[in-house]
Protein backbone atom coordinates (compact mmCIF):
# COMPACT_ATOMS: atom_id res chain seq x y z
CA MET A 1 186.88 52.38 -186.07
CA LYS A 2 183.53 51.66 -187.64
CA LYS A 3 185.45 49.65 -190.48
CA LEU A 4 186.68 47.16 -187.44
CA PHE A 5 183.42 47.12 -185.96
CA LEU A 6 181.44 46.07 -189.56
CA ALA A 7 184.28 43.39 -190.15
CA ALA A 8 183.84 42.04 -186.71
CA ILE A 9 180.23 41.57 -187.47
CA ALA A 10 180.85 40.19 -190.68
CA TYR A 11 183.14 37.58 -189.28
CA PHE A 12 180.80 36.64 -186.52
CA VAL A 13 177.98 36.20 -188.97
CA MET A 14 180.28 34.03 -191.12
CA GLY A 15 180.96 31.81 -187.98
CA LEU A 16 177.28 31.58 -187.13
CA ASN A 17 176.85 30.33 -190.93
CA ILE A 18 179.70 27.86 -190.71
CA GLY A 19 178.15 26.45 -187.34
CA VAL A 20 174.89 25.69 -189.05
CA ALA A 21 176.59 24.42 -192.05
CA GLN A 22 178.35 22.00 -189.85
CA THR A 23 175.16 20.67 -187.60
CA THR A 24 172.98 19.97 -190.78
CA GLY A 25 172.93 17.16 -192.93
CA LYS A 26 172.15 17.05 -196.67
CA VAL A 27 169.35 15.23 -198.36
CA TYR A 28 169.16 14.43 -202.34
CA ASP A 29 165.94 12.70 -203.06
CA ASN A 30 166.21 12.30 -206.88
CA LEU A 31 169.06 10.47 -207.81
CA THR A 32 169.33 7.84 -210.14
CA LEU A 33 171.77 4.82 -211.18
CA THR A 34 171.54 2.32 -214.02
CA SER A 35 170.09 -1.35 -213.38
CA LYS A 36 170.95 -3.99 -215.85
CA ILE A 37 169.07 -6.43 -213.83
CA LEU A 38 165.58 -4.47 -213.64
CA LYS A 39 166.28 -2.93 -217.19
CA SER A 40 165.84 0.65 -216.12
CA ASP A 41 167.13 3.37 -214.09
CA ARG A 42 166.19 3.04 -210.32
CA LYS A 43 165.82 6.16 -208.25
CA TYR A 44 167.29 6.63 -204.77
CA ALA A 45 167.28 9.39 -201.82
CA ILE A 46 170.22 9.72 -199.54
CA TYR A 47 170.92 11.43 -196.36
CA LEU A 48 174.43 12.46 -195.90
CA PRO A 49 175.42 13.37 -192.30
CA PRO A 50 176.74 17.20 -191.36
CA ASP A 51 180.36 16.68 -191.39
CA TYR A 52 180.28 14.34 -194.61
CA GLU A 53 181.54 17.36 -196.95
CA ASN A 54 184.30 18.47 -194.39
CA SER A 55 185.90 15.24 -193.72
CA ASP A 56 187.50 12.33 -195.28
CA ARG A 57 186.03 9.71 -192.89
CA SER A 58 184.16 6.52 -194.05
CA TYR A 59 180.68 6.08 -192.61
CA PRO A 60 178.40 3.51 -191.44
CA VAL A 61 175.05 3.03 -193.63
CA LEU A 62 171.57 2.39 -192.78
CA TYR A 63 169.28 1.37 -195.62
CA LEU A 64 165.90 2.53 -195.10
CA LEU A 65 162.89 1.36 -197.09
CA HIS A 66 159.61 2.67 -197.69
CA GLY A 67 155.93 1.32 -197.62
CA SER A 68 153.64 0.68 -200.22
CA GLY A 69 152.30 3.88 -202.49
CA ASP A 70 155.19 5.88 -201.54
CA ASP A 71 158.52 5.89 -203.45
CA GLN A 72 162.16 7.20 -202.29
CA THR A 73 160.67 10.58 -201.24
CA GLY A 74 158.63 8.82 -198.33
CA TRP A 75 161.07 8.97 -195.60
CA VAL A 76 162.18 12.38 -196.58
CA GLN A 77 158.88 14.19 -197.10
CA PHE A 78 156.72 12.28 -194.64
CA GLY A 79 159.44 10.55 -192.31
CA GLU A 80 161.72 13.92 -191.72
CA VAL A 81 164.54 11.87 -191.64
CA MET A 82 166.89 14.75 -192.24
CA ASN A 83 165.24 16.78 -189.28
CA ILE A 84 165.40 13.53 -187.01
CA THR A 85 168.74 12.27 -187.81
CA ASP A 86 170.77 15.71 -187.33
CA LYS A 87 168.73 15.64 -184.18
CA ALA A 88 169.82 12.46 -182.91
CA ILE A 89 173.30 13.27 -184.12
CA ALA A 90 173.71 16.39 -182.32
CA GLU A 91 172.27 15.06 -179.06
CA GLY A 92 174.62 12.03 -179.26
CA THR A 93 172.14 9.39 -179.47
CA SER A 94 173.31 8.57 -183.12
CA THR A 95 176.42 8.06 -184.72
CA PRO A 96 176.84 10.26 -187.97
CA MET A 97 175.64 7.77 -190.93
CA ILE A 98 174.83 7.63 -194.50
CA ILE A 99 170.98 6.78 -194.94
CA VAL A 100 169.95 5.18 -198.43
CA MET A 101 166.58 5.10 -199.39
CA PRO A 102 165.90 3.45 -202.60
CA ASP A 103 162.71 3.67 -204.84
CA ALA A 104 160.51 0.11 -204.92
CA ASN A 105 157.44 1.88 -206.53
CA THR A 106 158.49 2.24 -210.20
CA GLY A 107 157.72 -0.30 -212.62
CA ARG A 108 156.82 -2.85 -210.30
CA LYS A 109 155.86 -2.40 -206.38
CA GLY A 110 157.88 -4.27 -203.91
CA TYR A 111 161.47 -5.52 -202.70
CA PHE A 112 161.10 -9.38 -203.54
CA ASN A 113 162.20 -10.94 -206.75
CA ASP A 114 158.86 -11.82 -208.70
CA ILE A 115 157.54 -15.47 -208.61
CA LYS A 116 157.74 -15.74 -212.49
CA GLY A 117 161.69 -14.40 -212.28
CA ASP A 118 160.98 -11.54 -214.83
CA TRP A 119 161.50 -8.52 -212.19
CA ASN A 120 164.25 -9.42 -209.59
CA TYR A 121 164.39 -6.50 -207.21
CA GLU A 122 166.06 -8.37 -204.66
CA ASP A 123 168.84 -9.05 -206.90
CA PHE A 124 169.35 -5.25 -207.89
CA PHE A 125 169.34 -4.36 -204.11
CA PHE A 126 172.42 -6.70 -203.50
CA LYS A 127 174.12 -6.95 -206.80
CA GLU A 128 173.78 -3.48 -208.00
CA LEU A 129 172.38 -0.99 -205.34
CA ILE A 130 174.70 -1.79 -202.62
CA PRO A 131 177.84 -2.31 -204.26
CA TYR A 132 177.09 1.43 -206.50
CA ILE A 133 176.38 3.26 -203.00
CA GLU A 134 179.68 1.92 -201.41
CA LYS A 135 181.65 3.02 -204.45
CA GLN A 136 180.10 6.13 -205.01
CA TYR A 137 180.03 7.20 -201.43
CA ARG A 138 182.43 7.11 -198.50
CA THR A 139 181.02 4.22 -196.66
CA LYS A 140 182.45 1.58 -194.32
CA THR A 141 182.06 -1.77 -196.10
CA ASP A 142 181.68 -4.25 -193.35
CA LYS A 143 179.00 -6.19 -192.05
CA ARG A 144 178.83 -4.24 -188.59
CA SER A 145 178.89 -1.21 -190.15
CA ARG A 146 175.61 -1.94 -192.28
CA ALA A 147 172.13 -1.85 -191.36
CA ILE A 148 168.52 -1.95 -192.60
CA ALA A 149 165.13 -0.74 -191.53
CA GLY A 150 161.81 -0.03 -193.24
CA LEU A 151 158.02 0.55 -192.34
CA SER A 152 155.14 -1.69 -193.79
CA MET A 153 155.94 -3.33 -197.41
CA GLY A 154 159.58 -1.83 -196.44
CA GLY A 155 159.23 -3.68 -193.12
CA GLY A 156 158.72 -6.96 -194.80
CA GLY A 157 161.73 -6.40 -197.08
CA THR A 158 163.94 -5.58 -193.66
CA PHE A 159 162.83 -8.94 -192.50
CA VAL A 160 163.44 -11.07 -195.49
CA TYR A 161 166.82 -9.11 -196.90
CA ALA A 162 168.30 -9.67 -193.39
CA LEU A 163 166.99 -13.36 -193.06
CA HIS A 164 168.53 -14.18 -196.54
CA HIS A 165 171.39 -12.05 -196.00
CA PRO A 166 172.56 -12.16 -192.30
CA GLU A 167 176.32 -11.92 -193.25
CA MET A 168 175.29 -8.46 -194.96
CA PHE A 169 173.76 -6.50 -191.86
CA SER A 170 174.69 -6.12 -188.35
CA SER A 171 170.92 -5.02 -187.25
CA ALA A 172 167.59 -5.19 -188.74
CA CYS A 173 164.59 -3.03 -187.56
CA PRO A 174 161.30 -3.94 -189.35
CA LEU A 175 158.47 -1.35 -188.30
CA SER A 176 154.84 -2.27 -188.86
CA ALA A 177 156.02 -4.83 -191.00
CA TYR A 178 154.01 -6.80 -193.62
CA VAL A 179 155.34 -10.16 -192.84
CA GLY A 180 153.60 -12.10 -196.13
CA PRO A 181 150.85 -14.89 -195.84
CA PHE A 182 150.90 -16.79 -192.44
CA ASN A 183 150.26 -20.11 -194.22
CA LEU A 184 150.92 -21.81 -197.41
CA GLU A 185 147.17 -22.67 -198.21
CA ASP A 186 146.77 -18.73 -197.72
CA THR A 187 149.61 -18.18 -200.27
CA LYS A 188 148.25 -20.61 -202.91
CA ARG A 189 144.88 -19.26 -202.82
CA MET A 190 146.22 -15.57 -203.39
CA MET A 191 148.66 -16.47 -205.90
CA LEU A 192 147.05 -19.10 -208.18
CA ARG A 193 143.90 -16.90 -208.52
CA ASN A 194 145.41 -14.65 -210.94
CA ASN A 195 148.35 -16.66 -212.14
CA THR A 196 147.06 -20.25 -213.08
CA ASP A 197 149.99 -21.34 -215.10
CA LEU A 198 152.05 -21.52 -211.54
CA THR A 199 152.59 -24.86 -210.24
CA ASP A 200 152.22 -25.73 -206.43
CA SER A 201 155.70 -26.50 -205.98
CA THR A 202 156.75 -22.86 -207.35
CA VAL A 203 154.40 -21.24 -204.94
CA THR A 204 155.42 -23.48 -202.09
CA ASN A 205 158.93 -22.52 -202.75
CA TYR A 206 158.06 -18.80 -202.99
CA PHE A 207 156.18 -18.90 -199.83
CA ASN A 208 159.09 -20.52 -197.95
CA ARG A 209 161.62 -17.99 -199.49
CA TYR A 210 159.19 -14.48 -199.02
CA SER A 211 156.90 -15.42 -195.95
CA VAL A 212 158.67 -14.40 -192.71
CA LEU A 213 157.18 -17.21 -190.52
CA PRO A 214 158.61 -20.12 -192.51
CA LEU A 215 161.93 -17.90 -192.78
CA VAL A 216 162.22 -17.55 -188.92
CA ASN A 217 161.12 -21.23 -188.25
CA ASN A 218 163.48 -22.70 -190.64
CA MET A 219 166.68 -20.48 -189.35
CA PRO A 220 169.59 -22.53 -188.58
CA ASP A 221 170.78 -22.38 -184.96
CA GLU A 222 174.17 -20.75 -185.93
CA GLN A 223 172.37 -17.79 -187.47
CA LYS A 224 170.13 -17.04 -184.39
CA LYS A 225 172.62 -14.15 -183.55
CA ALA A 226 173.88 -12.99 -186.56
CA VAL A 227 171.67 -10.14 -186.57
CA ARG A 228 170.56 -8.11 -184.08
CA TRP A 229 166.68 -7.27 -184.25
CA TYR A 230 164.40 -4.52 -183.41
CA ILE A 231 160.64 -5.17 -184.08
CA ASP A 232 158.02 -2.41 -183.60
CA CYS A 233 154.47 -2.30 -184.40
CA GLY A 234 151.52 -0.20 -183.11
CA ASP A 235 148.81 -1.80 -180.83
CA ASP A 236 146.32 -0.23 -183.40
CA ASP A 237 147.96 -1.38 -186.44
CA PHE A 238 146.26 -3.71 -189.02
CA LEU A 239 149.62 -5.75 -189.26
CA TYR A 240 149.86 -6.29 -185.63
CA GLU A 241 149.04 -9.92 -185.64
CA GLY A 242 151.57 -10.84 -188.10
CA ASN A 243 154.42 -9.07 -186.17
CA ALA A 244 153.08 -10.82 -182.77
CA LEU A 245 153.35 -14.12 -184.66
CA VAL A 246 156.90 -13.34 -185.62
CA HIS A 247 157.71 -12.48 -182.18
CA ILE A 248 156.34 -15.28 -180.72
CA ALA A 249 158.06 -17.50 -183.35
CA MET A 250 161.32 -15.92 -182.56
CA ARG A 251 160.95 -16.45 -178.75
CA LYS A 252 160.16 -20.07 -179.32
CA LYS A 253 163.00 -20.38 -181.70
CA ASP A 254 165.44 -18.53 -178.84
CA ILE A 255 166.39 -15.73 -181.31
CA PRO A 256 167.33 -12.84 -179.65
CA HIS A 257 165.57 -9.84 -180.69
CA GLU A 258 163.73 -6.50 -178.92
CA TYR A 259 159.90 -6.42 -179.72
CA ARG A 260 158.38 -3.01 -178.99
CA VAL A 261 154.35 -2.24 -179.06
CA ARG A 262 153.50 1.53 -178.35
CA ASN A 263 150.33 3.04 -178.79
CA GLY A 264 149.37 3.64 -182.30
CA GLY A 265 148.55 2.67 -185.93
CA HIS A 266 149.59 2.45 -189.39
CA THR A 267 150.53 6.07 -189.87
CA TRP A 268 153.77 8.23 -190.36
CA THR A 269 153.16 9.92 -186.94
CA TYR A 270 154.03 6.34 -185.38
CA TRP A 271 157.13 5.87 -187.70
CA ARG A 272 158.25 9.31 -187.11
CA ALA A 273 158.58 8.23 -183.47
CA SER A 274 160.22 5.03 -184.47
CA LEU A 275 162.92 6.61 -186.34
CA PRO A 276 165.01 7.91 -183.39
CA LYS A 277 164.87 4.55 -181.67
CA VAL A 278 166.10 2.89 -184.93
CA LEU A 279 168.98 5.32 -185.10
CA ASN A 280 169.86 4.52 -181.53
CA PHE A 281 169.73 0.66 -181.93
CA VAL A 282 171.76 0.49 -184.92
CA THR A 283 174.31 2.85 -183.62
CA ASP A 284 174.98 0.38 -181.04
CA ALA A 285 176.46 -2.08 -183.23
CA PHE A 286 178.36 0.49 -185.49
CA HIS A 287 179.73 1.31 -182.24
CA GLN A 288 180.56 -2.17 -181.21
CA TYR A 289 178.30 -2.32 -178.28
């Protein structure tokens, strides 16, 4: 009788452990892939949803970009991506998804191709990182099942990547985004100060390609509804003006988008509160809203 009782307890505890395992995702934050474009090994972090290891299904993917001064561990350590995403999945406000967090702060900082053409991070992202993730993990590979989001410098990367490649993402969620210089004169003043060998035409082309306002203003009509936009910036954020100008430009161009301003500044407290809204927003597209 005593053995039966102990066996029952063991099975009960085992069941509890299995239940915990099934409701908790996993994060790996020090993974690498080799980049021929950047001539280096590039780090990335990844969140795998709770049922990833116990299923054969494929998952939608959110590419989540960090800000200046952080690396691929930023959203893991400070953004609490695992706890927040696990909770959202458990509550049904987010579908299970894979979240990829690449490092853009080693070698050089930023998500764009360098103006001199010798550090092409954007090329790496689309030609090497995305294909690698879609080969290495069980991901869905259609546009509807791919989304992008990021904060500050990563918010700028989110804007630019989705504007450059609207065929790649169903949703884009820039948070407290750096949108680049507002005008060409500021761009020339900033870039020609330390790069006297650059020509005016080179700087002009770079401004038109990597500043958000000219990209929005020059968006073709047929692309206005190609990407679902969720723009979020705190009312005390030092980048508030740029986000507001992009919102106004989108309104004038009749580009559908969600624009949110909440109480807060350029802080992880703000972005942790943003992440559940981002997960819910991209889920709508993943589920064919």
